[in-house]
mmCIF file of all heavy atoms, coordinates in Angstrom:
data_MODEL
# 
_entry.id   MODEL 
# 
loop_
_atom_site.group_PDB 
_atom_site.id 
_atom_site.type_symbol 
_atom_site.label_atom_id 
_atom_site.label_alt_id 
_atom_site.label_comp_id 
_atom_site.label_asym_id 
_atom_site.label_entity_id 
_atom_site.label_seq_id 
_atom_site.pdbx_PDB_ins_code 
_atom_site.Cartn_x 
_atom_site.Cartn_y 
_atom_site.Cartn_z 
_atom_site.occupancy 
_atom_site.B_iso_or_equiv 
_atom_site.pdbx_formal_charge 
_atom_site.auth_seq_id 
_atom_site.auth_comp_id 
_atom_site.auth_asym_id 
_atom_site.auth_atom_id 
_atom_site.pdbx_PDB_model_num 
ATOM 1   N N   . HIS A 1 1  ? 0.818  -1.222  0.007  1.00 0.00 ? 1  HIS A N   1 
ATOM 2   C CA  . HIS A 1 1  ? -0.007 0.001   -0.002 1.00 0.00 ? 1  HIS A CA  1 
ATOM 3   C C   . HIS A 1 1  ? 0.871  1.260   0.007  1.00 0.00 ? 1  HIS A C   1 
ATOM 4   O O   . HIS A 1 1  ? 0.572  2.205   -0.722 1.00 0.00 ? 1  HIS A O   1 
ATOM 5   C CB  . HIS A 1 1  ? -0.929 -0.002  1.209  1.00 0.00 ? 1  HIS A CB  1 
ATOM 6   C CG  . HIS A 1 1  ? -1.736 1.246   1.379  1.00 0.00 ? 1  HIS A CG  1 
ATOM 7   N ND1 . HIS A 1 1  ? -2.808 1.566   0.548  1.00 0.00 ? 1  HIS A ND1 1 
ATOM 8   C CD2 . HIS A 1 1  ? -1.635 2.266   2.257  1.00 0.00 ? 1  HIS A CD2 1 
ATOM 9   C CE1 . HIS A 1 1  ? -3.329 2.733   0.899  1.00 0.00 ? 1  HIS A CE1 1 
ATOM 10  N NE2 . HIS A 1 1  ? -2.626 3.186   1.939  1.00 0.00 ? 1  HIS A NE2 1 
ATOM 11  N N   . TYR A 1 2  ? 1.902  1.254   0.829  1.00 0.00 ? 2  TYR A N   1 
ATOM 12  C CA  . TYR A 1 2  ? 2.739  2.439   0.973  1.00 0.00 ? 2  TYR A CA  1 
ATOM 13  C C   . TYR A 1 2  ? 3.970  2.415   0.046  1.00 0.00 ? 2  TYR A C   1 
ATOM 14  O O   . TYR A 1 2  ? 4.792  3.345   0.107  1.00 0.00 ? 2  TYR A O   1 
ATOM 15  C CB  . TYR A 1 2  ? 3.207  2.575   2.429  1.00 0.00 ? 2  TYR A CB  1 
ATOM 16  C CG  . TYR A 1 2  ? 2.112  2.982   3.376  1.00 0.00 ? 2  TYR A CG  1 
ATOM 17  C CD1 . TYR A 1 2  ? 1.602  2.063   4.280  1.00 0.00 ? 2  TYR A CD1 1 
ATOM 18  C CD2 . TYR A 1 2  ? 1.604  4.261   3.363  1.00 0.00 ? 2  TYR A CD2 1 
ATOM 19  C CE1 . TYR A 1 2  ? 0.611  2.431   5.170  1.00 0.00 ? 2  TYR A CE1 1 
ATOM 20  C CE2 . TYR A 1 2  ? 0.608  4.645   4.274  1.00 0.00 ? 2  TYR A CE2 1 
ATOM 21  C CZ  . TYR A 1 2  ? 0.103  3.703   5.160  1.00 0.00 ? 2  TYR A CZ  1 
ATOM 22  O OH  . TYR A 1 2  ? -0.878 4.068   6.049  1.00 0.00 ? 2  TYR A OH  1 
ATOM 23  N N   . ASN A 1 3  ? 4.107  1.383   -0.748 1.00 0.00 ? 3  ASN A N   1 
ATOM 24  C CA  . ASN A 1 3  ? 5.256  1.244   -1.632 1.00 0.00 ? 3  ASN A CA  1 
ATOM 25  C C   . ASN A 1 3  ? 6.557  1.205   -0.835 1.00 0.00 ? 3  ASN A C   1 
ATOM 26  O O   . ASN A 1 3  ? 7.575  1.801   -1.189 1.00 0.00 ? 3  ASN A O   1 
ATOM 27  C CB  . ASN A 1 3  ? 5.319  2.395   -2.678 1.00 0.00 ? 3  ASN A CB  1 
ATOM 28  C CG  . ASN A 1 3  ? 6.266  2.088   -3.821 1.00 0.00 ? 3  ASN A CG  1 
ATOM 29  O OD1 . ASN A 1 3  ? 6.503  0.938   -4.187 1.00 0.00 ? 3  ASN A OD1 1 
ATOM 30  N ND2 . ASN A 1 3  ? 6.841  3.144   -4.386 1.00 0.00 ? 3  ASN A ND2 1 
ATOM 31  N N   . VAL A 1 4  ? 6.541  0.456   0.271  1.00 0.00 ? 4  VAL A N   1 
ATOM 32  C CA  . VAL A 1 4  ? 7.713  0.253   1.106  1.00 0.00 ? 4  VAL A CA  1 
ATOM 33  C C   . VAL A 1 4  ? 8.252  -1.144  0.834  1.00 0.00 ? 4  VAL A C   1 
ATOM 34  O O   . VAL A 1 4  ? 7.485  -2.104  0.753  1.00 0.00 ? 4  VAL A O   1 
ATOM 35  C CB  . VAL A 1 4  ? 7.376  0.409   2.603  1.00 0.00 ? 4  VAL A CB  1 
ATOM 36  C CG1 . VAL A 1 4  ? 8.536  0.008   3.471  1.00 0.00 ? 4  VAL A CG1 1 
ATOM 37  C CG2 . VAL A 1 4  ? 6.981  1.819   2.904  1.00 0.00 ? 4  VAL A CG2 1 
ATOM 38  N N   . LYS A 1 5  ? 9.558  -1.261  0.714  1.00 0.00 ? 5  LYS A N   1 
ATOM 39  C CA  . LYS A 1 5  ? 10.176 -2.552  0.474  1.00 0.00 ? 5  LYS A CA  1 
ATOM 40  C C   . LYS A 1 5  ? 10.628 -3.180  1.790  1.00 0.00 ? 5  LYS A C   1 
ATOM 41  O O   . LYS A 1 5  ? 10.812 -2.530  2.799  1.00 0.00 ? 5  LYS A O   1 
ATOM 42  C CB  . LYS A 1 5  ? 11.393 -2.406  -0.454 1.00 0.00 ? 5  LYS A CB  1 
ATOM 43  C CG  . LYS A 1 5  ? 11.010 -1.958  -1.876 1.00 0.00 ? 5  LYS A CG  1 
ATOM 44  C CD  . LYS A 1 5  ? 10.121 -2.985  -2.566 1.00 0.00 ? 5  LYS A CD  1 
ATOM 45  C CE  . LYS A 1 5  ? 9.810  -2.563  -4.007 1.00 0.00 ? 5  LYS A CE  1 
ATOM 46  N NZ  . LYS A 1 5  ? 8.941  -3.586  -4.696 1.00 0.00 ? 5  LYS A NZ  1 
ATOM 47  N N   . LEU A 1 6  ? 10.789 -4.514  1.739  1.00 0.00 ? 6  LEU A N   1 
ATOM 48  C CA  . LEU A 1 6  ? 11.203 -5.302  2.906  1.00 0.00 ? 6  LEU A CA  1 
ATOM 49  C C   . LEU A 1 6  ? 12.630 -5.787  2.768  1.00 0.00 ? 6  LEU A C   1 
ATOM 50  O O   . LEU A 1 6  ? 13.017 -6.306  1.720  1.00 0.00 ? 6  LEU A O   1 
ATOM 51  C CB  . LEU A 1 6  ? 10.287 -6.504  3.099  1.00 0.00 ? 6  LEU A CB  1 
ATOM 52  C CG  . LEU A 1 6  ? 8.967  -6.317  3.810  1.00 0.00 ? 6  LEU A CG  1 
ATOM 53  C CD1 . LEU A 1 6  ? 8.157  -7.608  3.729  1.00 0.00 ? 6  LEU A CD1 1 
ATOM 54  C CD2 . LEU A 1 6  ? 9.158  -5.938  5.264  1.00 0.00 ? 6  LEU A CD2 1 
ATOM 55  N N   . ASP A 1 7  ? 13.423 -5.647  3.802  1.00 0.00 ? 7  ASP A N   1 
ATOM 56  C CA  . ASP A 1 7  ? 14.662 -6.385  3.993  1.00 0.00 ? 7  ASP A CA  1 
ATOM 57  C C   . ASP A 1 7  ? 14.388 -7.483  5.018  1.00 0.00 ? 7  ASP A C   1 
ATOM 58  O O   . ASP A 1 7  ? 13.997 -7.198  6.155  1.00 0.00 ? 7  ASP A O   1 
ATOM 59  C CB  . ASP A 1 7  ? 15.780 -5.472  4.514  1.00 0.00 ? 7  ASP A CB  1 
ATOM 60  C CG  . ASP A 1 7  ? 16.493 -4.718  3.417  1.00 0.00 ? 7  ASP A CG  1 
ATOM 61  O OD1 . ASP A 1 7  ? 16.077 -4.852  2.260  1.00 0.00 ? 7  ASP A OD1 1 
ATOM 62  O OD2 . ASP A 1 7  ? 17.440 -3.958  3.727  1.00 0.00 ? 7  ASP A OD2 1 
ATOM 63  N N   . ILE A 1 8  ? 14.529 -8.723  4.596  1.00 0.00 ? 8  ILE A N   1 
ATOM 64  C CA  . ILE A 1 8  ? 14.167 -9.866  5.436  1.00 0.00 ? 8  ILE A CA  1 
ATOM 65  C C   . ILE A 1 8  ? 15.415 -10.666 5.774  1.00 0.00 ? 8  ILE A C   1 
ATOM 66  O O   . ILE A 1 8  ? 16.221 -11.005 4.900  1.00 0.00 ? 8  ILE A O   1 
ATOM 67  C CB  . ILE A 1 8  ? 13.148 -10.782 4.713  1.00 0.00 ? 8  ILE A CB  1 
ATOM 68  C CG1 . ILE A 1 8  ? 11.796 -10.091 4.575  1.00 0.00 ? 8  ILE A CG1 1 
ATOM 69  C CG2 . ILE A 1 8  ? 13.010 -12.098 5.468  1.00 0.00 ? 8  ILE A CG2 1 
ATOM 70  C CD1 . ILE A 1 8  ? 10.970 -10.047 5.805  1.00 0.00 ? 8  ILE A CD1 1 
ATOM 71  N N   . ILE A 1 9  ? 15.573 -10.995 7.052  1.00 0.00 ? 9  ILE A N   1 
ATOM 72  C CA  . ILE A 1 9  ? 16.575 -11.946 7.506  1.00 0.00 ? 9  ILE A CA  1 
ATOM 73  C C   . ILE A 1 9  ? 15.851 -13.179 7.973  1.00 0.00 ? 9  ILE A C   1 
ATOM 74  O O   . ILE A 1 9  ? 15.079 -13.165 8.930  1.00 0.00 ? 9  ILE A O   1 
ATOM 75  C CB  . ILE A 1 9  ? 17.431 -11.369 8.641  1.00 0.00 ? 9  ILE A CB  1 
ATOM 76  C CG1 . ILE A 1 9  ? 18.079 -10.065 8.209  1.00 0.00 ? 9  ILE A CG1 1 
ATOM 77  C CG2 . ILE A 1 9  ? 18.516 -12.364 9.067  1.00 0.00 ? 9  ILE A CG2 1 
ATOM 78  C CD1 . ILE A 1 9  ? 18.796 -9.331  9.340  1.00 0.00 ? 9  ILE A CD1 1 
ATOM 79  N N   . SER A 1 10 ? 16.072 -14.311 7.314  1.00 0.00 ? 10 SER A N   1 
ATOM 80  C CA  . SER A 1 10 ? 15.307 -15.530 7.580  1.00 0.00 ? 10 SER A CA  1 
ATOM 81  C C   . SER A 1 10 ? 16.232 -16.744 7.687  1.00 0.00 ? 10 SER A C   1 
ATOM 82  O O   . SER A 1 10 ? 17.321 -16.774 7.134  1.00 0.00 ? 10 SER A O   1 
ATOM 83  C CB  . SER A 1 10 ? 14.289 -15.758 6.428  1.00 0.00 ? 10 SER A CB  1 
ATOM 84  O OG  . SER A 1 10 ? 13.648 -17.014 6.520  1.00 0.00 ? 10 SER A OG  1 
ATOM 85  N N   . ASN A 1 11 ? 15.744 -17.759 8.409  1.00 0.00 ? 11 ASN A N   1 
ATOM 86  C CA  . ASN A 1 11 ? 16.502 -19.018 8.462  1.00 0.00 ? 11 ASN A CA  1 
ATOM 87  C C   . ASN A 1 11 ? 16.208 -19.914 7.250  1.00 0.00 ? 11 ASN A C   1 
ATOM 88  O O   . ASN A 1 11 ? 16.854 -20.960 7.094  1.00 0.00 ? 11 ASN A O   1 
ATOM 89  C CB  . ASN A 1 11 ? 16.237 -19.773 9.765  1.00 0.00 ? 11 ASN A CB  1 
ATOM 90  C CG  . ASN A 1 11 ? 14.786 -20.102 10.023 1.00 0.00 ? 11 ASN A CG  1 
ATOM 91  O OD1 . ASN A 1 11 ? 14.092 -20.643 9.155  1.00 0.00 ? 11 ASN A OD1 1 
ATOM 92  N ND2 . ASN A 1 11 ? 14.327 -19.814 11.242 1.00 0.00 ? 11 ASN A ND2 1 
ATOM 93  N N   . GLY A 1 12 ? 15.237 -19.518 6.448  1.00 0.00 ? 12 GLY A N   1 
ATOM 94  C CA  . GLY A 1 12 ? 14.979 -20.210 5.206  1.00 0.00 ? 12 GLY A CA  1 
ATOM 95  C C   . GLY A 1 12 ? 14.085 -21.438 5.280  1.00 0.00 ? 12 GLY A C   1 
ATOM 96  O O   . GLY A 1 12 ? 13.677 -21.983 4.235  1.00 0.00 ? 12 GLY A O   1 
ATOM 97  N N   . MET A 1 13 ? 13.745 -21.927 6.475  1.00 0.00 ? 13 MET A N   1 
ATOM 98  C CA  . MET A 1 13 ? 12.956 -23.139 6.608  1.00 0.00 ? 13 MET A CA  1 
ATOM 99  C C   . MET A 1 13 ? 11.519 -22.972 6.078  1.00 0.00 ? 13 MET A C   1 
ATOM 100 O O   . MET A 1 13 ? 10.927 -23.911 5.575  1.00 0.00 ? 13 MET A O   1 
ATOM 101 C CB  . MET A 1 13 ? 12.933 -23.589 8.050  1.00 0.00 ? 13 MET A CB  1 
ATOM 102 C CG  . MET A 1 13 ? 14.230 -24.225 8.538  1.00 0.00 ? 13 MET A CG  1 
ATOM 103 S SD  . MET A 1 13 ? 14.586 -25.835 7.785  1.00 0.00 ? 13 MET A SD  1 
ATOM 104 C CE  . MET A 1 13 ? 13.281 -26.834 8.497  1.00 0.00 ? 13 MET A CE  1 
ATOM 105 N N   . LEU A 1 14 ? 10.971 -21.769 6.189  1.00 0.00 ? 14 LEU A N   1 
ATOM 106 C CA  . LEU A 1 14 ? 9.603  -21.510 5.797  1.00 0.00 ? 14 LEU A CA  1 
ATOM 107 C C   . LEU A 1 14 ? 9.483  -20.780 4.464  1.00 0.00 ? 14 LEU A C   1 
ATOM 108 O O   . LEU A 1 14 ? 8.377  -20.379 4.078  1.00 0.00 ? 14 LEU A O   1 
ATOM 109 C CB  . LEU A 1 14 ? 8.890  -20.697 6.883  1.00 0.00 ? 14 LEU A CB  1 
ATOM 110 C CG  . LEU A 1 14 ? 8.893  -21.322 8.299  1.00 0.00 ? 14 LEU A CG  1 
ATOM 111 C CD1 . LEU A 1 14 ? 8.240  -20.370 9.281  1.00 0.00 ? 14 LEU A CD1 1 
ATOM 112 C CD2 . LEU A 1 14 ? 8.192  -22.662 8.308  1.00 0.00 ? 14 LEU A CD2 1 
ATOM 113 N N   . LEU A 1 15 ? 10.583 -20.643 3.774  1.00 0.00 ? 15 LEU A N   1 
ATOM 114 C CA  . LEU A 1 15 ? 10.611 -19.874 2.534  1.00 0.00 ? 15 LEU A CA  1 
ATOM 115 C C   . LEU A 1 15 ? 10.114 -20.717 1.352  1.00 0.00 ? 15 LEU A C   1 
ATOM 116 O O   . LEU A 1 15 ? 10.873 -21.147 0.488  1.00 0.00 ? 15 LEU A O   1 
ATOM 117 C CB  . LEU A 1 15 ? 12.046 -19.376 2.248  1.00 0.00 ? 15 LEU A CB  1 
ATOM 118 C CG  . LEU A 1 15 ? 12.226 -18.380 1.098  1.00 0.00 ? 15 LEU A CG  1 
ATOM 119 C CD1 . LEU A 1 15 ? 11.585 -17.060 1.415  1.00 0.00 ? 15 LEU A CD1 1 
ATOM 120 C CD2 . LEU A 1 15 ? 13.701 -18.230 0.769  1.00 0.00 ? 15 LEU A CD2 1 
ATOM 121 N N   . LYS A 1 16 ? 8.831  -20.977 1.315  1.00 0.00 ? 16 LYS A N   1 
ATOM 122 C CA  . LYS A 1 16 ? 8.274  -21.810 0.263  1.00 0.00 ? 16 LYS A CA  1 
ATOM 123 C C   . LYS A 1 16 ? 6.769  -21.536 0.146  1.00 0.00 ? 16 LYS A C   1 
ATOM 124 O O   . LYS A 1 16 ? 6.172  -20.892 1.042  1.00 0.00 ? 16 LYS A O   1 
ATOM 125 C CB  . LYS A 1 16 ? 8.520  -23.275 0.556  1.00 0.00 ? 16 LYS A CB  1 
ATOM 126 C CG  . LYS A 1 16 ? 8.077  -23.735 1.924  1.00 0.00 ? 16 LYS A CG  1 
ATOM 127 C CD  . LYS A 1 16 ? 8.522  -25.185 2.209  1.00 0.00 ? 16 LYS A CD  1 
ATOM 128 C CE  . LYS A 1 16 ? 8.233  -25.596 3.633  1.00 0.00 ? 16 LYS A CE  1 
ATOM 129 N NZ  . LYS A 1 16 ? 8.736  -26.966 3.901  1.00 0.00 ? 16 LYS A NZ  1 
ATOM 130 N N   . GLY A 1 17 ? 6.193  -22.029 -0.939 1.00 0.00 ? 17 GLY A N   1 
ATOM 131 C CA  . GLY A 1 17 ? 4.752  -21.904 -1.143 1.00 0.00 ? 17 GLY A CA  1 
ATOM 132 C C   . GLY A 1 17 ? 4.297  -20.454 -1.230 1.00 0.00 ? 17 GLY A C   1 
ATOM 133 O O   . GLY A 1 17 ? 4.965  -19.581 -1.731 1.00 0.00 ? 17 GLY A O   1 
ATOM 134 N N   . GLU A 1 18 ? 3.083  -20.213 -0.666 1.00 0.00 ? 18 GLU A N   1 
ATOM 135 C CA  . GLU A 1 18 ? 2.489  -18.897 -0.716 1.00 0.00 ? 18 GLU A CA  1 
ATOM 136 C C   . GLU A 1 18 ? 3.273  -17.852 0.034  1.00 0.00 ? 18 GLU A C   1 
ATOM 137 O O   . GLU A 1 18 ? 3.317  -16.686 -0.373 1.00 0.00 ? 18 GLU A O   1 
ATOM 138 C CB  . GLU A 1 18 ? 1.048  -18.953 -0.190 1.00 0.00 ? 18 GLU A CB  1 
ATOM 139 C CG  . GLU A 1 18 ? 0.037  -19.470 -1.176 1.00 0.00 ? 18 GLU A CG  1 
ATOM 140 C CD  . GLU A 1 18 ? -0.028 -18.609 -2.438 1.00 0.00 ? 18 GLU A CD  1 
ATOM 141 O OE1 . GLU A 1 18 ? -0.341 -17.392 -2.321 1.00 0.00 ? 18 GLU A OE1 1 
ATOM 142 O OE2 . GLU A 1 18 ? 0.258  -19.133 -3.490 1.00 0.00 ? 18 GLU A OE2 1 
ATOM 143 N N   . ARG A 1 19 ? 3.916  -18.226 1.133  1.00 0.00 ? 19 ARG A N   1 
ATOM 144 C CA  . ARG A 1 19 ? 4.701  -17.270 1.892  1.00 0.00 ? 19 ARG A CA  1 
ATOM 145 C C   . ARG A 1 19 ? 5.831  -16.696 1.035  1.00 0.00 ? 19 ARG A C   1 
ATOM 146 O O   . ARG A 1 19 ? 6.115  -15.482 1.106  1.00 0.00 ? 19 ARG A O   1 
ATOM 147 C CB  . ARG A 1 19 ? 5.276  -17.907 3.141  1.00 0.00 ? 19 ARG A CB  1 
ATOM 148 C CG  . ARG A 1 19 ? 4.300  -18.052 4.263  1.00 0.00 ? 19 ARG A CG  1 
ATOM 149 C CD  . ARG A 1 19 ? 4.935  -18.433 5.578  1.00 0.00 ? 19 ARG A CD  1 
ATOM 150 N NE  . ARG A 1 19 ? 3.948  -18.535 6.635  1.00 0.00 ? 19 ARG A NE  1 
ATOM 151 C CZ  . ARG A 1 19 ? 3.555  -17.553 7.404  1.00 0.00 ? 19 ARG A CZ  1 
ATOM 152 N NH1 . ARG A 1 19 ? 4.085  -16.405 7.225  1.00 0.00 ? 19 ARG A NH1 1 
ATOM 153 N NH2 . ARG A 1 19 ? 2.644  -17.704 8.329  1.00 0.00 ? 19 ARG A NH2 1 
ATOM 154 N N   . ALA A 1 20 ? 6.467  -17.523 0.282  1.00 0.00 ? 20 ALA A N   1 
ATOM 155 C CA  . ALA A 1 20 ? 7.545  -17.049 -0.582 1.00 0.00 ? 20 ALA A CA  1 
ATOM 156 C C   . ALA A 1 20 ? 7.001  -16.220 -1.755 1.00 0.00 ? 20 ALA A C   1 
ATOM 157 O O   . ALA A 1 20 ? 7.557  -15.184 -2.074 1.00 0.00 ? 20 ALA A O   1 
ATOM 158 C CB  . ALA A 1 20 ? 8.342  -18.245 -1.110 1.00 0.00 ? 20 ALA A CB  1 
ATOM 159 N N   . ARG A 1 21 ? 5.951  -16.680 -2.378 1.00 0.00 ? 21 ARG A N   1 
ATOM 160 C CA  . ARG A 1 21 ? 5.404  -15.972 -3.544 1.00 0.00 ? 21 ARG A CA  1 
ATOM 161 C C   . ARG A 1 21 ? 4.860  -14.590 -3.146 1.00 0.00 ? 21 ARG A C   1 
ATOM 162 O O   . ARG A 1 21 ? 5.028  -13.622 -3.868 1.00 0.00 ? 21 ARG A O   1 
ATOM 163 C CB  . ARG A 1 21 ? 4.291  -16.811 -4.185 1.00 0.00 ? 21 ARG A CB  1 
ATOM 164 C CG  . ARG A 1 21 ? 4.816  -17.943 -5.060 1.00 0.00 ? 21 ARG A CG  1 
ATOM 165 C CD  . ARG A 1 21 ? 3.711  -18.609 -5.837 1.00 0.00 ? 21 ARG A CD  1 
ATOM 166 N NE  . ARG A 1 21 ? 2.865  -19.411 -4.984 1.00 0.00 ? 21 ARG A NE  1 
ATOM 167 C CZ  . ARG A 1 21 ? 3.122  -20.694 -4.690 1.00 0.00 ? 21 ARG A CZ  1 
ATOM 168 N NH1 . ARG A 1 21 ? 4.190  -21.293 -5.220 1.00 0.00 ? 21 ARG A NH1 1 
ATOM 169 N NH2 . ARG A 1 21 ? 2.301  -21.403 -3.922 1.00 0.00 ? 21 ARG A NH2 1 
ATOM 170 N N   . LYS A 1 22 ? 4.202  -14.501 -1.981 1.00 0.00 ? 22 LYS A N   1 
ATOM 171 C CA  . LYS A 1 22 ? 3.674  -13.227 -1.526 1.00 0.00 ? 22 LYS A CA  1 
ATOM 172 C C   . LYS A 1 22 ? 4.784  -12.234 -1.168 1.00 0.00 ? 22 LYS A C   1 
ATOM 173 O O   . LYS A 1 22 ? 4.621  -11.034 -1.296 1.00 0.00 ? 22 LYS A O   1 
ATOM 174 C CB  . LYS A 1 22 ? 2.781  -13.434 -0.301 1.00 0.00 ? 22 LYS A CB  1 
ATOM 175 C CG  . LYS A 1 22 ? 1.457  -14.113 -0.591 1.00 0.00 ? 22 LYS A CG  1 
ATOM 176 C CD  . LYS A 1 22 ? 0.651  -14.269 0.689  1.00 0.00 ? 22 LYS A CD  1 
ATOM 177 C CE  . LYS A 1 22 ? -0.686 -14.930 0.445  1.00 0.00 ? 22 LYS A CE  1 
ATOM 178 N NZ  . LYS A 1 22 ? -1.453 -15.123 1.723  1.00 0.00 ? 22 LYS A NZ  1 
ATOM 179 N N   . LEU A 1 23 ? 5.905  -12.759 -0.745 1.00 0.00 ? 23 LEU A N   1 
ATOM 180 C CA  . LEU A 1 23 ? 7.017  -11.937 -0.299 1.00 0.00 ? 23 LEU A CA  1 
ATOM 181 C C   . LEU A 1 23 ? 7.720  -11.213 -1.437 1.00 0.00 ? 23 LEU A C   1 
ATOM 182 O O   . LEU A 1 23 ? 8.088  -10.054 -1.355 1.00 0.00 ? 23 LEU A O   1 
ATOM 183 C CB  . LEU A 1 23 ? 8.010  -12.785 0.485  1.00 0.00 ? 23 LEU A CB  1 
ATOM 184 C CG  . LEU A 1 23 ? 9.319  -12.121 0.937  1.00 0.00 ? 23 LEU A CG  1 
ATOM 185 C CD1 . LEU A 1 23 ? 9.004  -10.991 1.918  1.00 0.00 ? 23 LEU A CD1 1 
ATOM 186 C CD2 . LEU A 1 23 ? 10.231 -13.174 1.611  1.00 0.00 ? 23 LEU A CD2 1 
ATOM 187 N N   . LEU A 1 24 ? 7.856  -11.913 -2.536 1.00 0.00 ? 24 LEU A N   1 
ATOM 188 C CA  . LEU A 1 24 ? 8.701  -11.442 -3.636 1.00 0.00 ? 24 LEU A CA  1 
ATOM 189 C C   . LEU A 1 24 ? 8.326  -10.051 -4.166 1.00 0.00 ? 24 LEU A C   1 
ATOM 190 O O   . LEU A 1 24 ? 9.229  -9.205  -4.381 1.00 0.00 ? 24 LEU A O   1 
ATOM 191 C CB  . LEU A 1 24 ? 8.675  -12.456 -4.781 1.00 0.00 ? 24 LEU A CB  1 
ATOM 192 C CG  . LEU A 1 24 ? 9.758  -12.330 -5.854 1.00 0.00 ? 24 LEU A CG  1 
ATOM 193 C CD1 . LEU A 1 24 ? 11.141 -12.348 -5.215 1.00 0.00 ? 24 LEU A CD1 1 
ATOM 194 C CD2 . LEU A 1 24 ? 9.637  -13.477 -6.865 1.00 0.00 ? 24 LEU A CD2 1 
ATOM 195 N N   . PRO A 1 25 ? 7.051  -9.702  -4.361 1.00 0.00 ? 25 PRO A N   1 
ATOM 196 C CA  . PRO A 1 25 ? 6.728  -8.386  -4.937 1.00 0.00 ? 25 PRO A CA  1 
ATOM 197 C C   . PRO A 1 25 ? 7.098  -7.188  -4.082 1.00 0.00 ? 25 PRO A C   1 
ATOM 198 O O   . PRO A 1 25 ? 7.269  -6.092  -4.611 1.00 0.00 ? 25 PRO A O   1 
ATOM 199 C CB  . PRO A 1 25 ? 5.188  -8.445  -5.127 1.00 0.00 ? 25 PRO A CB  1 
ATOM 200 C CG  . PRO A 1 25 ? 4.864  -9.908  -5.170 1.00 0.00 ? 25 PRO A CG  1 
ATOM 201 C CD  . PRO A 1 25 ? 5.831  -10.556 -4.240 1.00 0.00 ? 25 PRO A CD  1 
ATOM 202 N N   . VAL A 1 26 ? 7.250  -7.363  -2.762 1.00 0.00 ? 26 VAL A N   1 
ATOM 203 C CA  . VAL A 1 26 ? 7.585  -6.248  -1.893 1.00 0.00 ? 26 VAL A CA  1 
ATOM 204 C C   . VAL A 1 26 ? 8.984  -6.354  -1.312 1.00 0.00 ? 26 VAL A C   1 
ATOM 205 O O   . VAL A 1 26 ? 9.356  -5.637  -0.411 1.00 0.00 ? 26 VAL A O   1 
ATOM 206 C CB  . VAL A 1 26 ? 6.568  -6.118  -0.735 1.00 0.00 ? 26 VAL A CB  1 
ATOM 207 C CG1 . VAL A 1 26 ? 5.179  -5.796  -1.276 1.00 0.00 ? 26 VAL A CG1 1 
ATOM 208 C CG2 . VAL A 1 26 ? 6.539  -7.369  0.125  1.00 0.00 ? 26 VAL A CG2 1 
ATOM 209 N N   . LEU A 1 27 ? 9.773  -7.264  -1.862 1.00 0.00 ? 27 LEU A N   1 
ATOM 210 C CA  . LEU A 1 27 ? 11.085 -7.548  -1.290 1.00 0.00 ? 27 LEU A CA  1 
ATOM 211 C C   . LEU A 1 27 ? 12.168 -6.677  -1.885 1.00 0.00 ? 27 LEU A C   1 
ATOM 212 O O   . LEU A 1 27 ? 12.215 -6.459  -3.103 1.00 0.00 ? 27 LEU A O   1 
ATOM 213 C CB  . LEU A 1 27 ? 11.420 -9.028  -1.512 1.00 0.00 ? 27 LEU A CB  1 
ATOM 214 C CG  . LEU A 1 27 ? 12.674 -9.577  -0.768 1.00 0.00 ? 27 LEU A CG  1 
ATOM 215 C CD1 . LEU A 1 27 ? 12.485 -9.504  0.728  1.00 0.00 ? 27 LEU A CD1 1 
ATOM 216 C CD2 . LEU A 1 27 ? 12.930 -11.016 -1.219 1.00 0.00 ? 27 LEU A CD2 1 
ATOM 217 N N   . SER A 1 28 ? 13.078 -6.203  -1.046 1.00 0.00 ? 28 SER A N   1 
ATOM 218 C CA  . SER A 1 28 ? 14.275 -5.507  -1.494 1.00 0.00 ? 28 SER A CA  1 
ATOM 219 C C   . SER A 1 28 ? 15.496 -6.407  -1.325 1.00 0.00 ? 28 SER A C   1 
ATOM 220 O O   . SER A 1 28 ? 16.340 -6.478  -2.225 1.00 0.00 ? 28 SER A O   1 
ATOM 221 C CB  . SER A 1 28 ? 14.475 -4.221  -0.695 1.00 0.00 ? 28 SER A CB  1 
ATOM 222 O OG  . SER A 1 28 ? 15.711 -3.616  -0.974 1.00 0.00 ? 28 SER A OG  1 
ATOM 223 N N   . GLU A 1 29 ? 15.608 -7.082  -0.177 1.00 0.00 ? 29 GLU A N   1 
ATOM 224 C CA  . GLU A 1 29 ? 16.749 -7.924  0.119  1.00 0.00 ? 29 GLU A CA  1 
ATOM 225 C C   . GLU A 1 29 ? 16.300 -9.101  1.002  1.00 0.00 ? 29 GLU A C   1 
ATOM 226 O O   . GLU A 1 29 ? 15.579 -8.913  1.969  1.00 0.00 ? 29 GLU A O   1 
ATOM 227 C CB  . GLU A 1 29 ? 17.823 -7.133  0.869  1.00 0.00 ? 29 GLU A CB  1 
ATOM 228 C CG  . GLU A 1 29 ? 19.105 -7.900  1.144  1.00 0.00 ? 29 GLU A CG  1 
ATOM 229 C CD  . GLU A 1 29 ? 20.076 -7.922  -0.013 1.00 0.00 ? 29 GLU A CD  1 
ATOM 230 O OE1 . GLU A 1 29 ? 19.988 -7.025  -0.855 1.00 0.00 ? 29 GLU A OE1 1 
ATOM 231 O OE2 . GLU A 1 29 ? 20.946 -8.792  -0.022 1.00 0.00 ? 29 GLU A OE2 1 
# 
């Protein structure tokens, strides 16, 4: 909504499916 990007630090275990697909459009790093 605000055109703000996300920097995410993750352990990678949950980076799959819908969570991953939804993340990509607002992701910076």
